[in-house]
């Protein structure tokens, strides 16, 4: 097991230093994410150091959140639109984690979908999620599905790469 990865009661955690390297942000930024409750399951230990669950991924930026929410609205409002799954090199890896983060942060209602490919189509935005998604100007909301999908794919691919890096650290 790598330095900065540790086990507490059968669960694996990482330090802010490890998370900062994985997420490509400063350790101080990781601490701010934790303090602002943007990292689900993170807590301070008795030495006042953050313990971050090993499968945590970088909290999505407000811009990324908007893009994912807008894409889901586009898919719901136009059943003819489809995601080309070939654009994702690791298949559906990262989709569930991205949408679970949106749920954990209050943008989506709970979802039970087992098929990761269906998640973007079936999620329900909360009032908070709808407010964020519709805060775009009308021009931005009407952006092409191709543009939305390109941004969405980039986020999903990054999360998939982070998950692979985390699993490699754990071994």
Protein backbone atom coordinates (compact mmCIF):
# COMPACT_ATOMS: atom_id res chain seq x y z
CA UNK A 1 0.00 0.00 0.00
CA UNK A 2 1.23 3.45 -0.89
CA UNK A 3 2.29 6.10 1.62
CA UNK A 4 -0.60 8.40 2.44
CA UNK A 5 -3.14 5.57 2.09
CA UNK A 6 -4.37 4.02 5.33
CA UNK A 7 -7.12 1.85 6.75
CA UNK A 8 -9.58 2.69 9.51
CA UNK A 9 -12.14 0.06 10.54
CA UNK A 10 -11.81 -1.80 7.25
CA UNK A 11 -12.21 1.33 5.09
CA UNK A 12 -9.40 2.91 3.08
CA UNK A 13 -8.61 6.62 3.23
CA UNK A 14 -6.04 8.98 1.75
CA UNK A 15 -4.37 12.13 3.01
CA UNK A 16 -4.91 15.58 1.52
CA UNK A 17 -1.43 15.31 0.00
CA UNK A 18 -2.36 12.13 -1.92
CA UNK A 19 -5.72 13.56 -2.96
CA UNK A 20 -4.05 16.77 -4.16
CA UNK A 21 -1.72 14.79 -6.43
CA UNK A 22 -4.58 12.70 -7.82
CA UNK A 23 -6.91 15.65 -8.30
CA UNK A 24 -4.16 18.01 -9.56
CA UNK A 25 -4.98 20.72 -7.03
CA UNK A 26 -3.13 22.16 -4.04
CA UNK A 27 -3.43 20.38 -0.66
CA UNK A 28 -5.03 23.54 0.73
CA UNK A 29 -7.75 23.28 -1.95
CA UNK A 30 -8.44 19.66 -0.93
CA UNK A 31 -8.80 20.83 2.68
CA UNK A 32 -11.25 23.53 1.58
CA UNK A 33 -13.28 20.95 -0.39
CA UNK A 34 -13.47 18.82 2.77
CA UNK A 35 -14.32 21.77 5.02
CA UNK A 36 -17.07 22.84 2.60
CA UNK A 37 -18.56 19.28 2.68
CA UNK A 38 -17.83 18.71 -1.00
CA UNK A 39 -16.07 15.40 -0.28
CA UNK A 40 -18.60 12.90 1.05
CA UNK A 41 -17.30 10.83 3.95
CA UNK A 42 -14.24 12.99 4.68
CA UNK A 43 -13.54 13.68 8.35
CA UNK A 44 -10.80 15.00 10.60
CA UNK A 45 -8.94 12.50 12.74
CA UNK A 46 -7.73 13.07 16.29
CA UNK A 47 -4.67 14.91 14.93
CA UNK A 48 -6.97 17.30 13.00
CA UNK A 49 -5.86 15.85 9.64
CA UNK A 50 -8.42 15.13 6.92
CA UNK A 51 -9.18 11.48 6.16
CA UNK A 52 -10.60 11.23 2.64
CA UNK A 53 -12.33 8.05 1.42
CA UNK A 54 -10.09 6.34 -1.11
CA UNK A 55 -12.74 6.28 -3.87
CA UNK A 56 -13.39 10.01 -3.63
CA UNK A 57 -12.96 11.95 -6.82
CA UNK A 58 -12.33 15.65 -7.23
CA UNK A 59 -15.48 17.62 -6.53
CA UNK A 60 -16.99 18.86 -9.76
CA UNK A 61 -16.75 22.58 -10.48
CA UNK A 62 -19.97 24.56 -10.80
CA UNK A 63 -19.35 24.72 -14.57
CA UNK A 64 -19.01 20.92 -14.78
CA UNK A 65 -22.15 20.50 -12.65
CA UNK A 66 -24.08 22.79 -14.98
CA UNK A 67 -22.88 20.86 -18.02
CA UNK A 68 -23.89 17.47 -16.59
CA UNK A 69 -27.29 18.78 -15.52
CA UNK A 70 -27.93 20.47 -18.88
CA UNK A 71 -26.97 17.28 -20.74
CA UNK A 72 -29.44 15.28 -18.63
CA UNK A 73 -32.17 17.84 -19.37
CA UNK A 74 -31.39 17.64 -23.08
CA UNK A 75 -31.63 13.83 -22.99
CA UNK A 76 -34.93 13.94 -21.10
CA UNK A 77 -36.47 16.62 -23.33
CA UNK A 78 -35.46 15.01 -26.62
CA UNK A 79 -35.68 11.18 -26.63
CA UNK A 80 -34.09 11.08 -30.09
CA UNK A 81 -30.74 12.19 -28.61
CA UNK A 82 -28.33 9.43 -27.69
CA UNK A 83 -24.89 9.19 -26.15
CA UNK A 84 -22.23 7.58 -28.34
CA UNK A 85 -20.65 5.23 -25.82
CA UNK A 86 -17.66 4.64 -28.10
CA UNK A 87 -16.26 8.05 -27.05
CA UNK A 88 -15.58 6.74 -23.54
CA UNK A 89 -12.33 4.74 -23.52
CA UNK A 90 -13.15 2.97 -20.24
CA UNK A 91 -16.81 2.31 -21.02
CA UNK A 92 -19.12 3.53 -18.29
CA UNK A 93 -16.45 3.93 -15.59
CA UNK A 94 -17.00 7.26 -13.85
CA UNK A 95 -20.65 7.81 -14.75
CA UNK A 96 -22.13 6.52 -11.50
CA UNK A 97 -19.53 8.42 -9.43
CA UNK A 98 -20.26 11.70 -11.24
CA UNK A 99 -24.01 11.39 -10.79
CA UNK A 100 -23.70 10.17 -7.19
CA UNK A 101 -21.68 13.32 -6.49
CA UNK A 102 -24.47 15.42 -8.00
CA UNK A 103 -26.96 13.61 -5.76
CA UNK A 104 -24.76 13.96 -2.65
CA UNK A 105 -24.47 17.70 -3.28
CA UNK A 106 -28.25 18.10 -3.62
CA UNK A 107 -28.59 18.59 -7.39
CA UNK A 108 -30.32 15.27 -8.13
CA UNK A 109 -32.96 13.16 -6.44
CA UNK A 110 -31.89 9.67 -5.35
CA UNK A 111 -31.75 7.22 -8.23
CA UNK A 112 -31.84 3.43 -8.26
CA UNK A 113 -30.78 2.78 -11.86
CA UNK A 114 -28.42 -0.21 -12.04
CA UNK A 115 -27.35 0.29 -15.66
CA UNK A 116 -24.77 3.09 -15.70
CA UNK A 117 -25.65 3.84 -19.35
CA UNK A 118 -29.20 4.73 -18.33
CA UNK A 119 -28.30 7.09 -15.47
CA UNK A 120 -27.97 10.29 -17.56
CA UNK A 121 -31.39 9.58 -19.08
CA UNK A 122 -33.35 8.82 -15.90
CA UNK A 123 -32.05 11.16 -13.20
CA UNK A 124 -34.42 13.77 -11.78
CA UNK A 125 -33.12 17.22 -10.97
CA UNK A 126 -34.00 18.69 -7.58
CA UNK A 127 -35.16 22.33 -7.39
CA UNK A 128 -31.52 23.22 -6.59
CA UNK A 129 -30.33 21.28 -9.68
CA UNK A 130 -33.00 22.84 -11.88
CA UNK A 131 -32.00 26.31 -10.66
CA UNK A 132 -28.35 25.67 -11.57
CA UNK A 133 -29.18 24.07 -14.94
CA UNK A 134 -31.50 26.88 -15.98
CA UNK A 135 -29.24 29.68 -14.72
CA UNK A 136 -27.58 29.66 -18.12
CA UNK A 137 -28.66 32.24 -20.62
CA UNK A 138 -31.11 30.95 -23.24
CA UNK A 139 -28.25 30.85 -25.77
CA UNK A 140 -26.19 28.60 -23.48
CA UNK A 141 -29.14 26.30 -22.75
CA UNK A 142 -29.71 25.83 -26.47
CA UNK A 143 -26.09 24.89 -27.10
CA UNK A 144 -25.73 21.89 -29.33
CA UNK A 145 -26.05 18.44 -27.88
CA UNK A 146 -22.65 17.68 -29.41
CA UNK A 147 -21.04 20.45 -27.34
CA UNK A 148 -22.79 19.26 -24.16
CA UNK A 149 -21.76 15.69 -24.84
CA UNK A 150 -18.12 16.68 -25.44
CA UNK A 151 -17.94 18.43 -22.06
CA UNK A 152 -19.81 15.58 -20.34
CA UNK A 153 -17.45 12.99 -21.87
CA UNK A 154 -14.38 14.92 -20.69
CA UNK A 155 -15.67 14.92 -17.09
CA UNK A 156 -16.58 11.22 -17.17
CA UNK A 157 -13.22 10.25 -18.70
CA UNK A 158 -11.34 12.24 -16.03
CA UNK A 159 -13.27 10.53 -13.24
CA UNK A 160 -12.60 7.12 -14.81
CA UNK A 161 -8.87 7.92 -14.94
CA UNK A 162 -8.92 9.04 -11.30
CA UNK A 163 -10.62 5.81 -10.25
CA UNK A 164 -7.96 3.78 -12.08
CA UNK A 165 -5.19 5.80 -10.39
CA UNK A 166 -6.83 5.32 -6.98
CA UNK A 167 -7.07 1.56 -7.47
CA UNK A 168 -3.40 1.46 -8.48
CA UNK A 169 -2.43 3.36 -5.29
CA UNK A 170 -4.40 1.00 -3.11
CA UNK A 171 -2.57 -2.11 -4.39
